[in-house]
Amino acid sequence: MIKKILPLLILILVSCSSPTPPANTARPKTHSKNKSVAPKPLQSTWRIMTYPAAQGAQAEKKYVKCEADGKFSNSTVSDDYLNADIIVDKVNAGILLHKSKKSSPSEKFAGPVHITMKNAAGNELILTSSRPWNKSGGIMIERNNNDYSQFRIFMLQSDGVINVDIHDDASSEYHFNINAAGFSDAFSQI
């Protein structure tokens, strides 16, 4: 008889005791109003650099440089990686384009290139260049026809992102964006 009562007694004791409730792991709801967040200003990507000193040169020549990533397309490739270096000093400006990876040599152009730049305010600058930046390649923003002055003024008056499209006569297209934030501050220090 004890064998019959003992299981019943255990069942009654177990059912009468209250189990410990599980810990509440849910986060309490917070009721906050949607606050408008002011957009953060773009961080400057312009660095002040110095050209390697030439023999007999007494003063170092400074310039500002910005690096941008983009895409290029031609007859064999579509939307491949592009790295662009934008170099501006007090006299000249240049754009060095590196296809597929940053360590690739600068692109050389056989004919003129057409550059279209459009800033966040909707202003547009159209330039044509037929000179390389140096013997290794690149694009020189030429000083004749005041192209360099137009480019410099456009950069100084722009704020935010500038869309850049470059086309050559061989049907290659290069697209990248320049962050103009901080350009005027950096340029004033060279």
Protein backbone atom coordinates (compact mmCIF):
# COMPACT_ATOMS: atom_id res chain seq x y z
CA MET A 1 0.00 0.00 0.00
CA ILE A 2 2.83 2.37 0.69
CA LYS A 3 3.97 1.73 -2.86
CA LYS A 4 0.63 3.04 -4.15
CA ILE A 5 0.43 6.08 -1.85
CA LEU A 6 4.05 7.21 -2.18
CA PRO A 7 3.85 8.10 -5.91
CA LEU A 8 0.56 9.89 -5.32
CA LEU A 9 2.04 11.85 -2.43
CA ILE A 10 5.06 12.87 -4.51
CA LEU A 11 2.77 14.01 -7.31
CA ILE A 12 0.73 16.15 -4.93
CA LEU A 13 3.85 17.75 -3.41
CA VAL A 14 5.35 18.53 -6.78
CA SER A 15 2.16 20.06 -8.15
CA CYS A 16 1.64 22.25 -5.07
CA SER A 17 5.07 23.82 -5.11
CA SER A 18 5.43 26.84 -7.37
CA PRO A 19 8.25 26.60 -9.84
CA THR A 20 10.72 29.46 -10.20
CA PRO A 21 9.66 31.56 -13.17
CA PRO A 22 12.26 31.95 -15.93
CA ALA A 23 14.27 35.14 -15.95
CA ASN A 24 12.83 37.85 -18.17
CA THR A 25 15.32 38.42 -20.97
CA ALA A 26 13.15 40.76 -23.01
CA ARG A 27 14.20 44.40 -23.13
CA PRO A 28 11.65 46.91 -21.94
CA LYS A 29 10.15 48.95 -24.74
CA THR A 30 11.33 52.50 -24.91
CA HIS A 31 8.99 55.03 -26.33
CA SER A 32 11.04 57.71 -28.00
CA LYS A 33 9.91 60.18 -30.56
CA ASN A 34 11.58 60.14 -33.94
CA LYS A 35 14.22 62.81 -33.73
CA SER A 36 15.58 64.28 -36.90
CA VAL A 37 19.28 63.70 -37.04
CA ALA A 38 21.38 66.35 -38.71
CA PRO A 39 23.53 64.83 -41.46
CA LYS A 40 27.14 64.51 -40.50
CA PRO A 41 29.49 66.58 -42.61
CA LEU A 42 31.73 64.63 -44.94
CA GLN A 43 35.16 64.01 -43.54
CA SER A 44 38.01 65.55 -45.52
CA THR A 45 40.01 63.15 -47.63
CA TRP A 46 42.50 65.79 -48.82
CA ARG A 47 46.07 65.34 -47.62
CA ILE A 48 48.89 67.87 -47.86
CA MET A 49 51.90 66.27 -49.54
CA THR A 50 55.35 67.35 -50.71
CA TYR A 51 56.92 66.62 -54.10
CA PRO A 52 60.32 64.89 -53.95
CA ALA A 53 63.00 67.57 -53.83
CA ALA A 54 64.85 68.20 -57.09
CA GLN A 55 68.61 68.63 -57.06
CA GLY A 56 69.50 72.18 -56.14
CA ALA A 57 65.95 73.03 -55.08
CA GLN A 58 65.86 75.24 -52.04
CA ALA A 59 62.19 75.07 -51.12
CA GLU A 60 59.88 72.10 -50.96
CA LYS A 61 56.89 72.24 -53.30
CA LYS A 62 53.62 71.19 -51.66
CA TYR A 63 50.39 69.90 -53.15
CA VAL A 64 47.08 68.42 -51.99
CA LYS A 65 45.97 64.93 -52.91
CA CYS A 66 42.71 63.02 -52.74
CA GLU A 67 42.18 59.36 -53.55
CA ALA A 68 38.86 58.02 -54.88
CA ASP A 69 37.48 54.66 -55.97
CA GLY A 70 35.26 54.23 -58.99
CA LYS A 71 34.58 52.11 -62.06
CA PHE A 72 35.77 52.02 -65.66
CA SER A 73 34.42 50.42 -68.82
CA ASN A 74 35.80 49.89 -72.30
CA SER A 75 35.21 47.52 -75.22
CA THR A 76 36.46 44.48 -73.24
CA VAL A 77 35.49 45.28 -69.62
CA SER A 78 32.39 46.67 -67.95
CA ASP A 79 32.29 48.28 -64.48
CA ASP A 80 35.75 47.15 -63.38
CA TYR A 81 37.52 48.70 -60.35
CA LEU A 82 39.18 52.10 -60.79
CA ASN A 83 41.42 54.04 -58.41
CA ALA A 84 41.85 57.77 -59.05
CA ASP A 85 44.40 60.13 -57.51
CA ILE A 86 43.59 63.83 -57.79
CA ILE A 87 46.62 66.10 -57.37
CA VAL A 88 46.38 69.90 -57.10
CA ASP A 89 49.17 72.42 -56.48
CA LYS A 90 49.31 76.21 -56.93
CA VAL A 91 50.11 75.92 -60.65
CA ASN A 92 48.85 72.57 -61.96
CA ALA A 93 46.28 69.86 -61.36
CA GLY A 94 46.22 66.27 -62.51
CA ILE A 95 44.26 63.05 -62.36
CA LEU A 96 46.00 59.67 -62.27
CA LEU A 97 43.77 56.70 -63.12
CA HIS A 98 44.75 53.16 -62.08
CA LYS A 99 42.73 50.33 -63.62
CA SER A 100 41.81 47.13 -61.73
CA LYS A 101 43.98 47.82 -58.64
CA LYS A 102 45.69 50.72 -56.88
CA SER A 103 49.18 49.49 -57.71
CA SER A 104 48.56 49.46 -61.48
CA PRO A 105 50.51 52.06 -63.48
CA SER A 106 48.74 55.30 -64.39
CA GLU A 107 46.61 55.09 -67.50
CA LYS A 108 48.19 56.66 -70.60
CA PHE A 109 45.99 58.33 -73.21
CA ALA A 110 46.81 58.61 -76.92
CA GLY A 111 44.38 61.46 -77.60
CA PRO A 112 42.39 64.07 -75.74
CA VAL A 113 40.15 63.21 -72.80
CA HIS A 114 36.87 64.90 -71.94
CA ILE A 115 36.16 65.52 -68.26
CA THR A 116 32.71 66.37 -66.88
CA MET A 117 32.39 67.30 -63.21
CA LYS A 118 29.10 67.95 -61.43
CA ASN A 119 28.91 69.12 -57.82
CA ALA A 120 26.14 68.68 -55.23
CA ALA A 121 24.68 72.10 -56.09
CA GLY A 122 24.16 70.97 -59.71
CA ASN A 123 26.94 73.13 -61.17
CA GLU A 124 28.85 71.51 -64.02
CA LEU A 125 32.39 71.96 -65.33
CA ILE A 126 33.48 70.52 -68.68
CA LEU A 127 37.19 70.29 -69.50
CA THR A 128 39.26 68.78 -72.31
CA SER A 129 42.88 67.77 -71.84
CA SER A 130 45.42 66.41 -74.29
CA ARG A 131 48.51 66.43 -72.06
CA PRO A 132 49.71 63.73 -69.68
CA TRP A 133 50.42 64.56 -66.03
CA ASN A 134 53.95 63.21 -66.46
CA LYS A 135 55.83 60.74 -68.65
CA SER A 136 54.22 57.85 -66.76
CA GLY A 137 50.72 58.92 -67.79
CA GLY A 138 47.74 60.54 -66.14
CA ILE A 139 45.81 63.64 -67.16
CA MET A 140 47.04 67.23 -66.85
CA ILE A 141 44.41 69.89 -66.22
CA GLU A 142 45.95 72.36 -68.62
CA ARG A 143 46.60 76.01 -67.87
CA ASN A 144 45.89 77.24 -71.38
CA ASN A 145 42.28 78.38 -71.88
CA ASN A 146 42.18 78.91 -68.10
CA ASP A 147 41.15 75.28 -67.53
CA TYR A 148 43.26 75.04 -64.38
CA SER A 149 41.74 78.26 -62.99
CA GLN A 150 38.23 77.02 -63.76
CA PHE A 151 39.00 73.68 -62.10
CA ARG A 152 40.52 75.33 -59.00
CA ILE A 153 37.59 77.76 -58.62
CA PHE A 154 35.08 74.93 -59.14
CA MET A 155 36.78 72.87 -56.42
CA LEU A 156 36.97 75.82 -54.00
CA GLN A 157 33.28 76.62 -54.49
CA SER A 158 32.08 73.02 -54.21
CA ASP A 159 31.01 71.35 -51.02
CA GLY A 160 30.20 67.68 -50.72
CA VAL A 161 30.49 65.07 -53.44
CA ILE A 162 31.55 65.88 -57.01
CA ASN A 163 30.67 63.31 -59.70
CA VAL A 164 33.43 62.93 -62.30
CA ASP A 165 33.04 61.30 -65.73
CA ILE A 166 36.00 60.98 -68.09
CA HIS A 167 35.74 59.78 -71.70
CA ASP A 168 38.57 59.27 -74.16
CA ASP A 169 38.46 58.91 -77.93
CA ALA A 170 38.91 55.12 -77.63
CA SER A 171 35.43 54.76 -76.05
CA SER A 172 36.75 54.14 -72.53
CA GLU A 173 34.71 55.60 -69.67
CA TYR A 174 35.88 56.36 -66.13
CA HIS A 175 33.51 57.28 -63.27
CA PHE A 176 34.37 58.26 -59.70
CA ASN A 177 33.36 60.75 -57.00
CA ILE A 178 35.55 63.35 -55.32
CA ASN A 179 34.82 64.45 -51.77
CA ALA A 180 35.29 68.25 -51.90
CA ALA A 181 34.96 68.62 -48.11
CA GLY A 182 38.18 70.06 -46.72
CA PHE A 183 39.68 70.96 -50.10
CA SER A 184 39.74 74.73 -49.50
CA ASP A 185 41.33 74.31 -46.05
CA ALA A 186 44.02 71.97 -47.37
CA PHE A 187 44.63 74.09 -50.48
CA SER A 188 45.12 77.24 -48.37
CA GLN A 189 48.00 75.51 -46.54
CA ILE A 190 50.17 74.89 -49.58
